[in-house]
Amino acid sequence: MKRTLLMAASLLLLLPLGGCKKDDPSKNLLKPTLTWEGNDKFSAQTIRSVSAMNGTVTYEAPEGLENLQITATVPTVLIGVVNQMIGISSNAGKSSSPAILDLVNDTKLAGVLTPLGFNAGSSIKGRKTAGKLDFARLLEALIKDNENTLSTGDTFKFDVLLTDREGQKVSKTASFNYVEGPTISGIDAPVNLSGEETDLELDIKADGKLQSLLLSIEGNSEFIKKWFQARSSATGDPVKVDLVSDETAVKELARWFPTSKIQGQTEVTLDFSFLYDLVPDMKAEGASTTNISVTAIDENDKSAFKVFAVSVSQ
């Protein structure tokens, strides 16, 4: 009898607490994920052109997607632009609260976002395979035609919340910073080099830091075109001079332009007053007009363009 009782007690010790319950199925559930390739920590990104910016977030819900929402916090001047995309009026943004983008239930929104590289709409409900959220193209659509209302320091924040059919949630925030493109000011009217000397400076500003600065010279003054060709690797007509990447230009034009202090700078001045010294040689070939254009490109692939005309008369 004692032997039987001991064996029974031993068997009871081998049983898990709570009796013979099966394993909790939740322990084997696959978690939903939000990933940003090349940006695992979801660090804030600077807004660039679509081709140059990494702005695609991938979502996946192996147990089936139930809901996908994005809380969009944008500069106040763009709240109305976001609201035009939304079909559920209660989700519209206000100055005091951000807009809610319901990617599953908002039919109008899905129609706007799908062409922009978002997997959205009622068809993604229950989806188990990976989907995309292309924030680069969304930002391009929001900013287009509204860039003059934005300033350096403006931010865009998208809080993504995914819920799967098991009630599991995952959230991440994709943030983007706006930086104004370059500007070029100065020499706003044609300049007659044969007349009284005037200011020939161009002031270039680039919050996004200068990456490239290009000159293009064209017109009927062969002398001035050959002058620039002789001090660069440029050939052809118009004469195109790269003040950053052309090693010959960087060296030979350093006397007139700060060629070694352009790349990475936020402010640069180009002084074209040396053109007055070239007037005698330009006059020798007769009256002429030359168009000089300047293109500034920053590290975010944003650019500014300025063209001015100089002439000499007999």
Protein backbone atom coordinates (compact mmCIF):
# COMPACT_ATOMS: atom_id res chain seq x y z
CA MET A 1 0.00 0.00 0.00
CA LYS A 2 2.79 2.42 0.96
CA ARG A 3 4.62 1.56 -2.26
CA THR A 4 1.51 2.43 -4.30
CA LEU A 5 1.05 5.77 -2.54
CA LEU A 6 4.70 6.71 -3.10
CA MET A 7 4.43 6.00 -6.82
CA ALA A 8 1.27 8.12 -7.08
CA ALA A 9 2.94 11.02 -5.28
CA SER A 10 5.94 10.82 -7.62
CA LEU A 11 3.67 11.03 -10.65
CA LEU A 12 1.91 14.09 -9.21
CA LEU A 13 5.25 15.86 -8.80
CA LEU A 14 5.93 15.39 -12.50
CA LEU A 15 2.68 17.13 -13.49
CA PRO A 16 2.79 20.93 -14.11
CA LEU A 17 1.02 23.15 -11.64
CA GLY A 18 -2.63 23.66 -12.61
CA GLY A 19 -3.10 20.14 -13.84
CA CYS A 20 -2.78 18.89 -17.40
CA LYS A 21 -3.45 22.19 -19.23
CA LYS A 22 -2.06 22.54 -22.73
CA ASP A 23 0.69 25.11 -23.47
CA ASP A 24 -0.54 28.71 -23.78
CA PRO A 25 -0.86 29.29 -27.54
CA SER A 26 0.19 32.95 -27.11
CA LYS A 27 3.72 31.77 -26.34
CA ASN A 28 4.06 30.58 -29.93
CA LEU A 29 2.61 33.65 -31.67
CA LEU A 30 4.77 35.44 -34.20
CA LYS A 31 5.17 39.13 -33.38
CA PRO A 32 4.27 41.91 -35.83
CA THR A 33 7.20 44.06 -36.93
CA LEU A 34 8.01 47.50 -38.31
CA THR A 35 11.44 47.82 -39.94
CA TRP A 36 13.36 50.59 -41.68
CA GLU A 37 16.17 49.14 -43.75
CA GLY A 38 19.40 51.01 -43.13
CA ASN A 39 17.86 52.83 -40.17
CA ASP A 40 17.24 50.20 -37.50
CA LYS A 41 16.98 52.80 -34.74
CA PHE A 42 14.44 54.91 -36.68
CA SER A 43 16.70 57.95 -36.41
CA ALA A 44 15.30 61.21 -37.80
CA GLN A 45 16.15 61.75 -41.47
CA THR A 46 16.68 64.94 -43.46
CA ILE A 47 14.17 65.37 -46.27
CA ARG A 48 15.83 64.94 -49.65
CA SER A 49 14.66 64.07 -53.15
CA VAL A 50 12.75 60.78 -53.44
CA SER A 51 15.61 59.12 -55.30
CA ALA A 52 18.14 60.16 -52.68
CA MET A 53 16.18 59.61 -49.47
CA ASN A 54 15.70 56.40 -47.56
CA GLY A 55 12.11 56.72 -46.41
CA THR A 56 10.51 53.28 -46.79
CA VAL A 57 9.24 51.46 -43.70
CA THR A 58 8.19 47.81 -44.00
CA TYR A 59 5.43 46.28 -41.89
CA GLU A 60 4.62 42.61 -41.36
CA ALA A 61 1.98 40.80 -39.28
CA PRO A 62 2.52 37.02 -39.51
CA GLU A 63 -0.66 36.39 -37.48
CA GLY A 64 -2.69 38.60 -39.81
CA LEU A 65 -3.05 42.38 -39.83
CA GLU A 66 -6.08 43.82 -38.02
CA ASN A 67 -5.43 47.56 -38.03
CA LEU A 68 -2.77 50.00 -39.21
CA GLN A 69 -2.84 53.66 -38.24
CA ILE A 70 -0.41 56.53 -38.64
CA THR A 71 -0.62 59.62 -36.47
CA ALA A 72 0.72 62.39 -38.72
CA THR A 73 2.21 65.44 -37.03
CA VAL A 74 3.13 67.98 -39.70
CA PRO A 75 3.88 71.73 -39.80
CA THR A 76 0.71 73.74 -39.18
CA VAL A 77 0.71 75.15 -42.71
CA LEU A 78 0.33 71.62 -44.12
CA ILE A 79 -2.48 70.33 -41.89
CA GLY A 80 -5.02 71.25 -44.55
CA VAL A 81 -3.04 69.36 -47.20
CA VAL A 82 -3.10 66.21 -45.06
CA ASN A 83 -6.81 66.62 -44.32
CA GLN A 84 -7.59 66.67 -48.04
CA MET A 85 -6.32 63.07 -48.18
CA ILE A 86 -8.58 61.85 -45.35
CA GLY A 87 -12.06 60.45 -45.90
CA ILE A 88 -13.01 59.93 -42.24
CA SER A 89 -13.79 63.42 -40.99
CA SER A 90 -13.23 62.58 -37.32
CA ASN A 91 -9.61 61.73 -38.16
CA ALA A 92 -8.83 65.18 -39.61
CA GLY A 93 -5.97 67.08 -38.04
CA LYS A 94 -6.26 70.36 -36.18
CA SER A 95 -3.76 72.88 -34.90
CA SER A 96 -4.18 71.27 -31.48
CA SER A 97 -4.17 67.61 -32.56
CA PRO A 98 -2.53 65.59 -35.34
CA ALA A 99 -4.35 63.82 -38.15
CA ILE A 100 -5.02 60.08 -37.97
CA LEU A 101 -4.35 58.10 -41.13
CA ASP A 102 -6.41 54.90 -41.04
CA LEU A 103 -4.80 52.72 -43.68
CA VAL A 104 -7.36 49.92 -43.40
CA ASN A 105 -10.77 51.59 -43.14
CA ASP A 106 -10.38 54.95 -44.92
CA THR A 107 -11.17 54.27 -48.58
CA LYS A 108 -10.36 57.81 -49.76
CA LEU A 109 -7.02 57.77 -47.97
CA ALA A 110 -6.13 54.39 -49.47
CA GLY A 111 -6.83 55.79 -52.93
CA VAL A 112 -4.37 58.61 -52.28
CA LEU A 113 -1.62 56.59 -50.59
CA THR A 114 -1.57 53.52 -52.85
CA PRO A 115 -0.08 55.40 -55.83
CA LEU A 116 2.50 56.85 -53.42
CA GLY A 117 3.92 53.43 -52.57
CA PHE A 118 1.75 52.50 -49.56
CA ASN A 119 0.10 49.10 -49.18
CA ALA A 120 -3.25 50.35 -47.87
CA GLY A 121 -6.98 49.72 -48.08
CA SER A 122 -9.38 47.03 -46.91
CA SER A 123 -7.38 44.40 -48.81
CA ILE A 124 -4.53 44.57 -46.26
CA LYS A 125 -6.80 43.42 -43.42
CA GLY A 126 -5.70 39.91 -42.57
CA ARG A 127 -2.53 40.35 -44.60
CA LYS A 128 0.39 38.26 -43.36
CA THR A 129 3.04 39.19 -45.92
CA ALA A 130 5.20 42.31 -45.81
CA GLY A 131 3.79 45.70 -46.84
CA LYS A 132 5.42 49.05 -47.58
CA LEU A 133 5.00 52.61 -46.29
CA ASP A 134 6.89 54.98 -48.61
CA PHE A 135 7.24 58.15 -46.57
CA ALA A 136 9.65 59.71 -49.08
CA ARG A 137 6.95 59.86 -51.73
CA LEU A 138 4.32 60.99 -49.21
CA LEU A 139 6.57 63.85 -48.14
CA GLU A 140 7.13 64.82 -51.75
CA ALA A 141 3.35 65.00 -52.28
CA LEU A 142 2.84 67.06 -49.11
CA ILE A 143 5.63 69.52 -49.84
CA LYS A 144 5.00 69.95 -53.56
CA ASP A 145 3.66 73.44 -54.31
CA ASN A 146 4.00 74.31 -50.59
CA GLU A 147 7.76 74.52 -50.16
CA ASN A 148 7.76 78.29 -49.89
CA THR A 149 5.68 77.97 -46.69
CA LEU A 150 8.27 75.80 -44.92
CA SER A 151 11.41 76.77 -43.03
CA THR A 152 14.55 75.01 -41.91
CA GLY A 153 13.73 73.24 -38.63
CA ASP A 154 10.19 72.21 -39.56
CA THR A 155 9.59 68.56 -38.70
CA PHE A 156 7.33 65.77 -39.89
CA LYS A 157 6.54 62.94 -37.48
CA PHE A 158 4.64 59.77 -38.36
CA ASP A 159 3.72 57.49 -35.42
CA VAL A 160 2.92 54.08 -36.90
CA LEU A 161 0.77 51.65 -34.86
CA LEU A 162 0.09 48.15 -36.15
CA THR A 163 -2.28 45.71 -34.42
CA ASP A 164 -2.56 42.10 -35.53
CA ARG A 165 -5.53 39.74 -35.23
CA GLU A 166 -4.22 38.36 -31.95
CA GLY A 167 -4.25 41.81 -30.39
CA GLN A 168 -0.47 42.15 -30.52
CA LYS A 169 0.77 45.68 -31.18
CA VAL A 170 3.96 47.25 -32.47
CA SER A 171 4.68 50.96 -32.87
CA LYS A 172 7.50 53.05 -34.30
CA THR A 173 8.00 56.71 -35.17
CA ALA A 174 9.40 57.84 -38.50
CA SER A 175 10.66 61.43 -38.24
CA PHE A 176 11.90 63.77 -40.94
CA ASN A 177 13.50 67.21 -40.74
CA TYR A 178 13.02 69.89 -43.36
CA VAL A 179 15.97 71.97 -44.54
CA GLU A 180 15.51 74.86 -46.94
CA GLY A 181 17.23 74.64 -50.30
CA PRO A 182 20.06 76.96 -51.41
CA THR A 183 19.47 80.58 -52.37
CA ILE A 184 21.51 82.85 -54.64
CA SER A 185 21.18 86.63 -54.39
CA GLY A 186 22.83 89.59 -56.04
CA ILE A 187 23.42 90.94 -59.60
CA ASP A 188 19.75 91.37 -60.37
CA ALA A 189 20.16 93.35 -63.60
CA PRO A 190 22.32 93.16 -66.74
CA VAL A 191 25.72 94.76 -66.26
CA ASN A 192 27.53 96.85 -68.88
CA LEU A 193 31.18 96.33 -68.06
CA SER A 194 32.09 99.34 -70.22
CA GLY A 195 30.27 101.64 -67.84
CA GLU A 196 30.72 102.59 -64.21
CA GLU A 197 31.85 99.73 -62.00
CA THR A 198 29.13 98.15 -59.89
CA ASP A 199 28.85 95.33 -57.35
CA LEU A 200 29.33 91.94 -58.99
CA GLU A 201 28.98 89.68 -55.97
CA LEU A 202 26.67 86.69 -55.64
CA ASP A 203 25.82 85.55 -52.11
CA ILE A 204 25.01 81.85 -51.87
CA LYS A 205 23.40 80.37 -48.77
CA ALA A 206 22.72 76.69 -48.18
CA ASP A 207 21.39 75.44 -44.85
CA GLY A 208 21.83 71.93 -46.27
CA LYS A 209 25.56 72.57 -46.95
CA LEU A 210 26.93 73.01 -50.45
CA GLN A 211 27.82 69.90 -52.39
CA SER A 212 28.38 71.40 -55.83
CA LEU A 213 28.74 74.83 -57.45
CA LEU A 214 28.58 75.04 -61.23
CA LEU A 215 29.20 77.89 -63.67
CA SER A 216 27.97 78.00 -67.24
CA ILE A 217 29.28 80.65 -69.63
CA GLU A 218 27.72 81.29 -73.03
CA GLY A 219 27.38 84.18 -75.42
CA ASN A 220 29.24 85.85 -78.28
CA SER A 221 32.40 86.77 -76.38
CA GLU A 222 34.89 84.10 -77.38
CA PHE A 223 37.52 85.71 -75.19
CA ILE A 224 35.67 85.24 -71.91
CA LYS A 225 34.71 81.65 -72.78
CA LYS A 226 38.34 80.82 -73.61
CA TRP A 227 39.42 82.56 -70.41
CA PHE A 228 37.37 80.12 -68.32
CA GLN A 229 38.36 77.14 -70.47
CA ALA A 230 42.04 77.94 -69.90
CA ARG A 231 41.50 77.73 -66.15
CA SER A 232 39.41 74.56 -65.99
CA SER A 233 38.85 71.20 -67.65
CA ALA A 234 35.77 72.55 -69.42
CA THR A 235 35.31 72.11 -73.15
CA GLY A 236 32.52 72.87 -75.58
CA ASP A 237 29.98 75.64 -75.71
CA PRO A 238 28.52 76.64 -73.32
CA VAL A 239 31.57 76.39 -71.11
CA LYS A 240 30.63 74.52 -67.92
CA VAL A 241 32.94 74.84 -64.93
CA ASP A 242 32.64 72.79 -61.74
CA LEU A 243 34.12 74.81 -58.88
CA VAL A 244 34.17 71.78 -56.57
CA SER A 245 34.98 68.64 -58.55
CA ASP A 246 37.14 70.05 -61.35
CA GLU A 247 40.65 69.91 -59.87
CA THR A 248 42.04 72.26 -62.50
CA ALA A 249 39.34 74.84 -61.80
CA VAL A 250 39.77 74.50 -58.03
CA LYS A 251 43.46 75.30 -58.42
CA GLU A 252 43.47 77.84 -61.26
CA LEU A 253 40.42 79.86 -60.19
CA ALA A 254 41.38 80.05 -56.50
CA ARG A 255 42.71 83.56 -57.13
CA TRP A 256 39.18 84.76 -57.92
CA PHE A 257 36.84 82.34 -56.15
CA PRO A 258 37.11 80.53 -52.75
CA THR A 259 37.24 77.18 -54.56
CA SER A 260 38.83 75.30 -51.65
CA LYS A 261 36.15 76.55 -49.25
CA ILE A 262 32.91 75.69 -51.03
CA GLN A 263 32.02 72.08 -50.32
CA GLY A 264 30.27 71.63 -46.99
CA GLN A 265 29.81 75.36 -46.46
CA THR A 266 26.52 77.11 -45.68
CA GLU A 267 27.57 80.51 -47.04
CA VAL A 268 29.81 81.38 -50.00
CA THR A 269 30.35 84.59 -51.94
CA LEU A 270 31.39 84.62 -55.59
CA ASP A 271 32.91 87.95 -56.64
CA PHE A 272 32.89 88.51 -60.41
CA SER A 273 34.41 92.01 -60.24
CA PHE A 274 37.55 90.66 -61.91
CA LEU A 275 35.55 90.78 -65.15
CA TYR A 276 36.24 94.52 -65.27
CA ASP A 277 39.94 93.69 -65.69
CA LEU A 278 39.08 91.67 -68.80
CA VAL A 279 37.20 94.49 -70.54
CA PRO A 280 40.11 95.66 -72.78
CA ASP A 281 40.52 92.16 -74.21
CA MET A 282 36.77 91.74 -74.58
CA LYS A 283 36.48 95.07 -76.39
CA ALA A 284 39.20 94.00 -78.81
CA GLU A 285 36.79 91.46 -80.29
CA GLY A 286 33.94 93.94 -80.52
CA ALA A 287 30.68 94.45 -78.64
CA SER A 288 29.45 91.32 -76.89
CA THR A 289 27.03 89.91 -74.36
CA THR A 290 27.78 86.97 -72.11
CA ASN A 291 25.35 85.06 -69.91
CA ILE A 292 26.84 83.55 -66.76
CA SER A 293 24.69 81.11 -64.83
CA VAL A 294 25.39 79.69 -61.40
CA THR A 295 23.86 76.49 -60.03
CA ALA A 296 24.22 75.66 -56.34
CA ILE A 297 23.41 72.13 -55.15
CA ASP A 298 23.32 71.15 -51.48
CA GLU A 299 23.86 67.81 -49.75
CA ASN A 300 20.11 67.14 -49.87
CA ASP A 301 20.07 67.41 -53.69
CA LYS A 302 18.22 70.71 -53.56
CA SER A 303 19.38 73.39 -55.93
CA ALA A 304 19.24 77.09 -56.77
CA PHE A 305 19.87 78.75 -60.11
CA LYS A 306 20.84 82.30 -61.03
CA VAL A 307 21.79 83.81 -64.38
CA PHE A 308 23.09 87.31 -65.11
CA ALA A 309 24.30 89.04 -68.25
CA VAL A 310 27.45 91.09 -68.74
CA SER A 311 28.22 93.06 -71.85
CA VAL A 312 30.82 95.35 -73.35
CA SER A 313 30.14 98.11 -75.84
CA GLN A 314 32.48 99.81 -78.29
